[in-house]
Amino acid sequence: MPRRRAEPVTKLATHRAIEAVWRIESAKVIAHVARMVHDVGLAEELAQDALVSALEHWPDAGVPDNPGAWLMATAKNRALDRLRQEALHARKRQELGHDMDALEAHLVPDFVDALDAARADDIGDDLLRLVFTACHPVLSTDARVALTLRLLGGLTTDEIARAFLVPEPTIAQRIVRAKRTLSAAKVPFEVPQAEARAPRLASVLQVIYLIFNEGYSATAGDDWMRPALCEEALRLGRVLSGLVPGESEVHGLVALMEIQASRTHARTDAQGRPVLLLDQDRSRWDPLLIRRGLAALSAAHALGGASGPYALQAALAACHARAHRAEDTDWAQIVALYDALAQVAPSPVVELNRAVAVGMAFGPAAGLEIVDALAGDATLANYHWLPSVRGDLLAKLGRLEEARAEFKRAAAMTRNARERELLLERAHSVMQ
């Protein structure tokens, strides 16, 4: 009986090990196979075949000493089998009347290229190709996010759906359509040439930061944060900074995410309720993540990227990280950084954040003047932080009834339950 009870536990442990290995190694496997078959969708299918094989064999044979290499070798073999089958089918078609010279000219070089790709071990370049392919601008933003989490994050369709509070079939359709779009558009599996790399890199960084932001401040649902998404975005950012170490904005984005992620444990109380930045217990901020973030920011500056949008946002986060107490925050420096950010990446949201800083540095009346100027901006019509910021500034000016109305208006706009509770609580407390 003890032996029978132990067996399921062993298999469960093996399955958990497989899940962990897959999460870590899947992107490398898919990337390498994609270089062989020139099709991201097919590469994922072949990598999944390798995963199925692991699920079949490892519970009995045990987890290999190098499980990543086992998955890679199995997926490569699947890819070579597929290429051999395609070559055989093409040869048969040739024998039915097509010119054998065409076969030699087209099929054989393709197969040789695939063999070369199988022999090569250039994982870094393969991953970079996969990053640029998954985040290709030919895809919609939603499709890029879903495909990136699937191919590079190793998340299942269900995990992605739960993270973004979207039905699983919707995410599945996005991923399928994304693969078809890449195939139909004949998007090459490659790192873009220098002249095309900057705009494509901007797309990659946008996707990673969108994933991070959804984890940092969930747009909907019952939770204030979804830390797993922050962790995935950070992992992708760190991988990317290792693949393109000469790109300052990559380091800027990593710096921004590291410093913001350092506040995770202080952003909620014991009941999971949100704690705003100025009320957080800074002793709970993670010093290791702060150090990593400041080091990444220094790397961005060393590469001449101090004025990049992500580096500037990281510098803003660093101002808060360097202040041991909220009252020590250098708000004048933060205003100056927002002024610089507004020059390189102007947006109503940047202006709203600048208003908060101006209100802290030069008084709530100065901040309210900026906020009121944004009142008619259509892009902020449904942005709950606009009335929330306005309510805060009005409360500081003693205009309590107006502040209460603004907090209630903000609460009605948000789709996040925790955020709504916070705003309604502020609406109530402002009159106490």
Protein backbone atom coordinates (compact mmCIF):
# COMPACT_ATOMS: atom_id res chain seq x y z
CA MET A 1 0.00 0.00 0.00
CA PRO A 2 2.74 2.58 0.80
CA ARG A 3 4.25 1.91 -2.64
CA ARG A 4 0.92 2.51 -4.37
CA ARG A 5 0.41 5.78 -2.50
CA ALA A 6 3.91 6.98 -3.39
CA GLU A 7 3.57 6.37 -7.14
CA PRO A 8 1.06 9.19 -7.90
CA VAL A 9 3.17 11.57 -5.84
CA THR A 10 6.24 10.68 -7.92
CA LYS A 11 4.37 11.16 -11.18
CA LEU A 12 2.94 14.45 -9.92
CA ALA A 13 6.44 15.65 -9.04
CA THR A 14 7.65 14.63 -12.51
CA HIS A 15 4.81 16.48 -14.19
CA ARG A 16 5.61 19.58 -12.14
CA ALA A 17 9.26 19.28 -13.17
CA ILE A 18 8.20 19.03 -16.82
CA GLU A 19 6.03 22.14 -16.46
CA ALA A 20 8.94 24.05 -14.93
CA VAL A 21 11.38 22.90 -17.63
CA TRP A 22 8.89 23.78 -20.36
CA ARG A 23 8.35 27.29 -18.96
CA ILE A 24 12.11 27.88 -18.99
CA GLU A 25 13.13 26.07 -22.17
CA SER A 26 10.13 26.32 -24.53
CA ALA A 27 11.11 29.65 -26.08
CA LYS A 28 14.58 28.36 -26.96
CA VAL A 29 13.18 25.16 -28.44
CA ILE A 30 10.52 26.96 -30.51
CA ALA A 31 13.03 29.57 -31.67
CA HIS A 32 15.57 27.00 -32.83
CA VAL A 33 12.98 24.85 -34.61
CA ALA A 34 11.44 27.94 -36.25
CA ARG A 35 14.81 28.65 -37.86
CA MET A 36 14.73 25.13 -39.30
CA VAL A 37 11.16 25.14 -40.64
CA HIS A 38 10.68 28.91 -41.24
CA ASP A 39 7.20 28.81 -39.67
CA VAL A 40 6.48 29.88 -36.08
CA GLY A 41 3.18 27.99 -35.92
CA LEU A 42 4.70 24.74 -37.14
CA ALA A 43 7.68 25.23 -34.81
CA GLU A 44 5.36 25.46 -31.82
CA GLU A 45 3.54 22.30 -32.91
CA LEU A 46 6.81 20.40 -33.17
CA ALA A 47 7.99 21.71 -29.80
CA GLN A 48 4.65 20.64 -28.31
CA ASP A 49 5.26 17.18 -29.78
CA ALA A 50 8.51 17.08 -27.83
CA LEU A 51 6.66 18.11 -24.68
CA VAL A 52 4.11 15.31 -25.20
CA SER A 53 6.98 12.87 -25.61
CA ALA A 54 8.46 14.07 -22.32
CA LEU A 55 5.10 13.59 -20.59
CA GLU A 56 4.99 10.04 -21.95
CA HIS A 57 8.55 8.99 -21.16
CA TRP A 58 9.86 10.94 -18.16
CA PRO A 59 7.43 9.63 -15.50
CA ASP A 60 8.80 6.11 -16.11
CA ALA A 61 12.37 6.82 -17.25
CA GLY A 62 12.98 9.78 -14.93
CA VAL A 63 13.84 13.40 -15.70
CA PRO A 64 17.04 13.52 -17.83
CA ASP A 65 20.19 15.15 -16.48
CA ASN A 66 19.82 17.91 -19.06
CA PRO A 67 16.05 18.16 -19.68
CA GLY A 68 16.38 21.25 -21.88
CA ALA A 69 18.78 19.49 -24.22
CA TRP A 70 16.45 16.46 -24.33
CA LEU A 71 13.51 18.63 -25.39
CA MET A 72 15.67 20.44 -27.95
CA ALA A 73 17.00 17.21 -29.49
CA THR A 74 13.54 15.66 -29.64
CA ALA A 75 12.03 18.74 -31.28
CA LYS A 76 14.90 18.93 -33.79
CA ASN A 77 14.34 15.30 -34.74
CA ARG A 78 10.63 15.99 -35.22
CA ALA A 79 11.51 18.92 -37.44
CA LEU A 80 13.95 16.89 -39.52
CA ASP A 81 11.39 14.12 -39.93
CA ARG A 82 8.89 16.71 -41.13
CA LEU A 83 11.37 18.19 -43.59
CA ARG A 84 12.30 14.74 -44.91
CA GLN A 85 8.62 13.96 -45.48
CA GLU A 86 8.12 17.23 -47.33
CA ALA A 87 11.20 16.57 -49.46
CA LEU A 88 9.95 13.04 -50.24
CA HIS A 89 6.51 14.32 -51.24
CA ALA A 90 8.05 16.98 -53.42
CA ARG A 91 10.35 14.41 -55.03
CA LYS A 92 7.36 12.25 -55.88
CA ARG A 93 5.65 15.23 -57.44
CA GLN A 94 8.78 15.91 -59.44
CA GLU A 95 8.82 12.32 -60.67
CA LEU A 96 5.29 12.78 -62.00
CA GLY A 97 6.49 15.26 -64.56
CA HIS A 98 8.38 18.16 -63.08
CA ASP A 99 11.96 18.93 -63.88
CA MET A 100 14.43 17.21 -61.55
CA ASP A 101 16.75 20.17 -61.91
CA ALA A 102 14.15 22.29 -60.13
CA LEU A 103 14.10 19.75 -57.32
CA GLU A 104 17.87 19.95 -56.93
CA ALA A 105 17.82 23.72 -57.16
CA HIS A 106 15.09 24.31 -54.59
CA LEU A 107 14.46 21.34 -52.34
CA VAL A 108 17.99 20.18 -51.68
CA PRO A 109 19.33 23.60 -50.61
CA ASP A 110 16.31 24.01 -48.31
CA PHE A 111 17.01 20.68 -46.68
CA VAL A 112 20.72 21.48 -46.36
CA ASP A 113 19.81 24.80 -44.71
CA ALA A 114 17.58 22.93 -42.27
CA LEU A 115 20.39 20.52 -41.43
CA ASP A 116 22.74 23.44 -40.86
CA ALA A 117 20.17 25.01 -38.55
CA ALA A 118 19.82 21.73 -36.66
CA ARG A 119 23.56 21.48 -36.15
CA ALA A 120 23.96 25.09 -35.11
CA ASP A 121 23.69 26.09 -31.45
CA ASP A 122 23.07 29.81 -31.77
CA ILE A 123 20.30 30.07 -29.20
CA GLY A 124 20.77 33.80 -28.58
CA ASP A 125 20.12 34.76 -32.20
CA ASP A 126 17.23 32.31 -32.44
CA LEU A 127 15.53 33.84 -29.40
CA LEU A 128 16.02 37.31 -30.80
CA ARG A 129 14.42 36.23 -34.08
CA LEU A 130 11.48 34.81 -32.14
CA VAL A 131 11.06 38.04 -30.14
CA PHE A 132 10.94 40.16 -33.28
CA THR A 133 8.59 37.72 -35.01
CA ALA A 134 6.11 37.44 -32.14
CA CYS A 135 6.02 41.24 -31.76
CA HIS A 136 5.84 42.02 -35.48
CA PRO A 137 3.80 45.19 -36.22
CA VAL A 138 1.72 43.30 -38.80
CA LEU A 139 -0.13 41.87 -35.77
CA SER A 140 -2.56 43.77 -33.58
CA THR A 141 -1.35 44.73 -30.12
CA ASP A 142 -3.61 42.13 -28.48
CA ALA A 143 -2.29 39.44 -30.83
CA ARG A 144 1.32 40.42 -30.15
CA VAL A 145 0.78 40.22 -26.39
CA ALA A 146 -0.93 36.81 -26.57
CA LEU A 147 1.62 35.33 -28.99
CA THR A 148 4.57 36.66 -26.98
CA LEU A 149 3.26 35.16 -23.75
CA ARG A 150 2.57 31.88 -25.53
CA LEU A 151 5.86 31.51 -27.42
CA LEU A 152 8.31 33.38 -25.19
CA GLY A 153 6.63 33.16 -21.80
CA GLY A 154 5.65 29.53 -22.12
CA LEU A 155 2.19 30.29 -20.73
CA THR A 156 -0.77 28.12 -21.68
CA THR A 157 -3.80 29.59 -23.41
CA ASP A 158 -5.76 29.19 -20.19
CA GLU A 159 -3.10 31.04 -18.17
CA ILE A 160 -3.08 33.95 -20.61
CA ALA A 161 -6.88 34.11 -20.61
CA ARG A 162 -7.03 34.14 -16.81
CA ALA A 163 -4.32 36.79 -16.59
CA PHE A 164 -6.24 39.19 -18.85
CA LEU A 165 -9.75 38.10 -17.76
CA VAL A 166 -10.60 37.12 -21.33
CA PRO A 167 -12.43 33.91 -22.33
CA GLU A 168 -9.99 31.15 -23.25
CA PRO A 169 -11.48 30.68 -26.76
CA THR A 170 -10.84 34.37 -27.44
CA ILE A 171 -7.14 34.01 -26.58
CA ALA A 172 -6.91 30.78 -28.58
CA GLN A 173 -8.40 32.52 -31.62
CA ARG A 174 -5.99 35.45 -31.25
CA ILE A 175 -3.01 33.11 -31.20
CA VAL A 176 -4.24 31.07 -34.17
CA ARG A 177 -5.00 34.22 -36.18
CA ALA A 178 -1.61 35.68 -35.27
CA LYS A 179 0.22 32.62 -36.60
CA ARG A 180 -1.86 32.65 -39.77
CA THR A 181 -1.22 36.38 -40.25
CA LEU A 182 2.53 35.90 -39.92
CA SER A 183 2.41 33.05 -42.43
CA ALA A 184 0.17 34.90 -44.90
CA ALA A 185 2.32 38.02 -44.69
CA LYS A 186 5.44 35.86 -45.21
CA VAL A 187 7.10 37.50 -42.24
CA PRO A 188 10.70 36.24 -42.30
CA PHE A 189 12.09 34.58 -39.20
CA GLU A 190 14.96 37.00 -38.79
CA VAL A 191 16.37 39.91 -36.85
CA PRO A 192 15.58 43.05 -38.89
CA GLN A 193 18.36 44.94 -40.61
CA ALA A 194 19.67 48.05 -38.86
CA GLU A 195 17.37 50.51 -40.63
CA ALA A 196 14.25 48.51 -39.72
CA ARG A 197 15.33 47.44 -36.24
CA ALA A 198 14.48 50.61 -34.29
CA PRO A 199 10.74 50.68 -35.03
CA ARG A 200 10.51 46.89 -34.61
CA LEU A 201 12.37 47.10 -31.30
CA ALA A 202 9.93 49.78 -30.16
CA SER A 203 7.11 47.28 -30.82
CA VAL A 204 8.89 44.61 -28.78
CA LEU A 205 9.41 46.96 -25.83
CA GLN A 206 5.80 48.14 -26.01
CA VAL A 207 4.52 44.56 -25.78
CA ILE A 208 6.75 43.71 -22.82
CA TYR A 209 5.74 46.87 -20.96
CA LEU A 210 2.04 46.27 -21.69
CA ILE A 211 2.39 42.82 -20.11
CA PHE A 212 4.16 44.31 -17.09
CA ASN A 213 1.59 47.08 -16.62
CA GLU A 214 -1.33 44.66 -16.73
CA GLY A 215 0.37 42.75 -13.93
CA TYR A 216 1.30 45.88 -11.96
CA SER A 217 -2.14 47.53 -12.10
CA ALA A 218 -4.78 45.12 -13.37
CA THR A 219 -7.37 46.88 -15.51
CA ALA A 220 -10.20 44.64 -14.33
CA GLY A 221 -11.10 41.86 -11.94
CA ASP A 222 -10.85 41.35 -8.20
CA ASP A 223 -7.08 41.73 -7.73
CA TRP A 224 -5.08 44.94 -7.60
CA MET A 225 -2.06 43.20 -9.13
CA ARG A 226 -1.18 40.04 -11.05
CA PRO A 227 2.45 39.45 -10.02
CA ALA A 228 2.93 36.51 -12.40
CA LEU A 229 2.57 38.85 -15.39
CA CYS A 230 5.11 41.26 -13.89
CA GLU A 231 7.51 38.35 -13.45
CA GLU A 232 7.04 37.20 -17.06
CA ALA A 233 7.62 40.72 -18.38
CA LEU A 234 10.72 41.12 -16.24
CA ARG A 235 12.06 37.77 -17.43
CA LEU A 236 11.49 38.75 -21.07
CA GLY A 237 13.12 42.12 -20.50
CA ARG A 238 16.17 40.58 -18.87
CA VAL A 239 16.51 38.06 -21.70
CA LEU A 240 16.23 40.84 -24.27
CA SER A 241 18.86 42.99 -22.52
CA GLY A 242 21.24 40.03 -22.74
CA LEU A 243 20.48 39.55 -26.44
CA VAL A 244 20.88 43.22 -27.42
CA PRO A 245 23.18 44.69 -24.75
CA GLY A 246 23.96 47.76 -26.86
CA GLU A 247 20.35 49.07 -26.93
CA SER A 248 19.93 51.72 -24.24
CA GLU A 249 16.13 51.69 -24.22
CA VAL A 250 16.09 47.97 -23.47
CA HIS A 251 18.11 48.68 -20.33
CA GLY A 252 15.82 51.64 -19.61
CA LEU A 253 12.74 49.42 -19.73
CA VAL A 254 14.38 46.76 -17.55
CA ALA A 255 15.36 49.47 -15.05
CA LEU A 256 11.81 50.78 -14.96
CA MET A 257 10.30 47.34 -14.42
CA GLU A 258 12.86 46.29 -11.79
CA ILE A 259 12.29 49.42 -9.69
CA GLN A 260 8.51 49.31 -10.00
CA ALA A 261 8.47 45.59 -9.19
CA SER A 262 10.50 46.32 -6.03
CA ARG A 263 7.35 47.86 -4.50
CA THR A 264 5.15 44.79 -5.05
CA HIS A 265 4.98 43.62 -1.42
CA ALA A 266 4.21 47.13 -0.15
CA ARG A 267 1.42 47.87 -2.64
CA THR A 268 -1.24 45.87 -0.79
CA ASP A 269 -2.12 45.43 2.87
CA ALA A 270 -2.81 42.15 4.66
CA GLN A 271 -6.33 42.06 3.22
CA GLY A 272 -5.11 42.63 -0.35
CA ARG A 273 -6.33 46.23 -0.46
CA PRO A 274 -4.28 48.76 -2.46
CA VAL A 275 -1.76 50.96 -0.68
CA LEU A 276 -0.86 54.11 -2.60
CA LEU A 277 2.78 55.06 -3.19
CA LEU A 278 3.06 57.79 -0.56
CA ASP A 279 1.47 55.57 2.10
CA GLN A 280 3.64 52.50 1.48
CA ASP A 281 6.02 51.04 4.06
CA ARG A 282 9.28 51.54 2.18
CA SER A 283 11.09 49.03 4.33
CA ARG A 284 9.08 46.42 2.41
CA TRP A 285 10.50 47.54 -0.93
CA ASP A 286 12.87 44.92 -2.34
CA PRO A 287 16.43 46.33 -2.14
CA LEU A 288 17.82 43.74 -4.59
CA LEU A 289 15.37 44.76 -7.31
CA ILE A 290 16.14 48.42 -6.64
CA ARG A 291 19.87 47.77 -7.02
CA ARG A 292 19.25 45.84 -10.23
CA GLY A 293 17.08 48.63 -11.55
CA LEU A 294 19.61 51.35 -10.74
CA ALA A 295 22.35 49.28 -12.39
CA ALA A 296 20.23 48.88 -15.54
CA LEU A 297 19.55 52.63 -15.52
CA SER A 298 23.29 53.31 -15.29
CA ALA A 299 23.79 50.99 -18.28
CA ALA A 300 21.20 52.96 -20.27
CA HIS A 301 22.96 56.22 -19.41
CA ALA A 302 26.37 54.78 -20.29
CA LEU A 303 25.03 53.97 -23.75
CA GLY A 304 23.87 57.56 -24.21
CA GLY A 305 20.21 56.81 -23.63
CA ALA A 306 19.42 59.06 -20.67
CA SER A 307 16.76 60.92 -22.67
CA GLY A 308 14.95 57.80 -23.97
CA PRO A 309 11.30 57.45 -22.88
CA TYR A 310 11.87 54.28 -20.84
CA ALA A 311 15.09 55.60 -19.30
CA LEU A 312 13.29 58.80 -18.26
CA GLN A 313 10.47 56.80 -16.68
CA ALA A 314 13.06 54.66 -14.92
CA ALA A 315 14.74 57.84 -13.64
CA LEU A 316 11.36 58.91 -12.25
CA ALA A 317 10.98 55.58 -10.48
CA ALA A 318 14.55 55.92 -9.19
CA CYS A 319 13.69 59.25 -7.54
CA HIS A 320 11.10 57.45 -5.43
CA ALA A 321 13.41 54.49 -4.79
CA ARG A 322 16.19 56.75 -3.47
CA ALA A 323 13.84 58.50 -1.02
CA HIS A 324 13.81 56.54 2.24
CA ARG A 325 10.69 58.41 3.35
CA ALA A 326 7.87 59.83 1.24
CA GLU A 327 8.63 63.34 2.55
CA ASP A 328 12.22 63.04 1.26
CA THR A 329 11.05 62.73 -2.38
CA ASP A 330 12.66 65.27 -4.71
CA TRP A 331 9.46 66.48 -6.38
CA ALA A 332 11.20 69.32 -8.23
CA GLN A 333 13.48 66.76 -9.91
CA ILE A 334 10.46 64.63 -10.76
CA VAL A 335 8.76 67.63 -12.39
CA ALA A 336 11.91 68.26 -14.44
CA LEU A 337 11.96 64.62 -15.57
CA TYR A 338 8.28 64.80 -16.58
CA ASP A 339 9.05 67.96 -18.53
CA ALA A 340 11.74 66.03 -20.40
CA LEU A 341 9.44 63.04 -20.93
CA ALA A 342 6.73 65.33 -22.31
CA GLN A 343 9.21 66.51 -24.93
CA VAL A 344 10.19 63.05 -26.21
CA ALA A 345 6.93 61.14 -25.61
CA PRO A 346 4.08 63.63 -25.21
CA SER A 347 0.73 62.22 -24.13
CA PRO A 348 -2.24 63.22 -21.96
CA VAL A 349 -1.28 60.52 -19.44
CA VAL A 350 2.24 61.96 -19.10
CA GLU A 351 0.69 65.40 -18.60
CA LEU A 352 -1.64 64.04 -15.91
CA ASN A 353 1.30 62.48 -14.08
CA ARG A 354 3.18 65.75 -14.42
CA ALA A 355 0.20 67.48 -12.80
CA VAL A 356 0.56 65.21 -9.75
CA ALA A 357 4.25 66.09 -9.46
CA VAL A 358 3.59 69.81 -9.94
CA GLY A 359 0.93 69.63 -7.22
CA MET A 360 3.44 68.03 -4.84
CA ALA A 361 6.29 70.41 -5.72
CA PHE A 362 4.45 73.73 -6.12
CA GLY A 363 1.08 73.26 -4.46
CA PRO A 364 -2.28 71.68 -5.35
CA ALA A 365 -3.60 74.77 -7.12
CA ALA A 366 -0.77 74.56 -9.69
CA GLY A 367 -1.47 70.89 -10.23
CA LEU A 368 -5.23 71.44 -10.55
CA GLU A 369 -4.68 74.01 -13.28
CA ILE A 370 -2.96 71.37 -15.42
CA VAL A 371 -5.62 68.75 -14.67
CA ASP A 372 -8.47 71.10 -15.58
CA ALA A 373 -6.77 71.81 -18.90
CA LEU A 374 -6.99 68.07 -19.63
CA ALA A 375 -10.71 67.84 -18.87
CA GLY A 376 -11.77 68.03 -22.51
CA ASP A 377 -9.22 65.54 -23.85
CA ALA A 378 -11.15 62.72 -25.54
CA THR A 379 -8.44 60.14 -24.84
CA LEU A 380 -8.96 60.60 -21.10
CA ALA A 381 -12.77 60.53 -21.24
CA ASN A 382 -12.92 57.07 -19.63
CA TYR A 383 -9.63 57.22 -17.77
CA HIS A 384 -10.51 56.91 -14.09
CA TRP A 385 -7.21 58.37 -12.90
CA LEU A 386 -8.24 61.81 -14.22
CA PRO A 387 -11.11 62.33 -11.74
CA SER A 388 -9.07 60.49 -9.09
CA VAL A 389 -6.17 62.94 -9.37
CA ARG A 390 -8.56 65.86 -9.54
CA GLY A 391 -10.31 64.62 -6.39
CA ASP A 392 -7.00 64.40 -4.54
CA LEU A 393 -6.01 67.96 -5.51
CA LEU A 394 -9.46 69.32 -4.63
CA ALA A 395 -9.30 67.63 -1.22
CA LYS A 396 -5.94 69.27 -0.51
CA LEU A 397 -7.51 72.63 -1.40
CA GLY A 398 -10.36 72.03 1.05
CA ARG A 399 -13.00 71.71 -1.70
CA LEU A 400 -14.33 68.55 -0.09
CA GLU A 401 -17.75 68.16 -1.73
CA GLU A 402 -16.17 68.47 -5.19
CA ALA A 403 -13.43 66.03 -4.20
CA ARG A 404 -16.01 63.51 -3.00
CA ALA A 405 -17.88 63.73 -6.30
CA GLU A 406 -14.67 63.19 -8.28
CA PHE A 407 -13.68 60.09 -6.28
CA LYS A 408 -17.15 58.62 -6.81
CA ARG A 409 -16.93 59.38 -10.53
CA ALA A 410 -13.55 57.64 -10.70
CA ALA A 411 -14.95 54.62 -8.82
CA ALA A 412 -17.75 54.31 -11.36
CA MET A 413 -15.21 54.26 -14.22
CA THR A 414 -12.78 51.59 -13.04
CA ARG A 415 -13.31 47.89 -13.81
CA ASN A 416 -10.99 46.76 -11.00
CA ALA A 417 -12.85 45.79 -7.83
CA ARG A 418 -10.00 46.65 -5.43
CA GLU A 419 -9.49 50.02 -7.07
CA ARG A 420 -13.21 50.76 -6.84
CA GLU A 421 -13.19 49.98 -3.12
CA LEU A 422 -10.23 52.31 -2.60
CA LEU A 423 -11.86 55.19 -4.48
CA LEU A 424 -15.18 54.81 -2.68
CA GLU A 425 -13.32 54.72 0.62
CA ARG A 426 -11.57 57.96 -0.30
CA ALA A 427 -14.91 59.50 -1.29
CA HIS A 428 -16.25 58.61 2.15
CA SER A 429 -13.17 59.59 4.18
CA VAL A 430 -12.71 62.97 2.54
CA MET A 431 -15.85 64.20 4.34
CA GLN A 432 -14.77 62.91 7.76
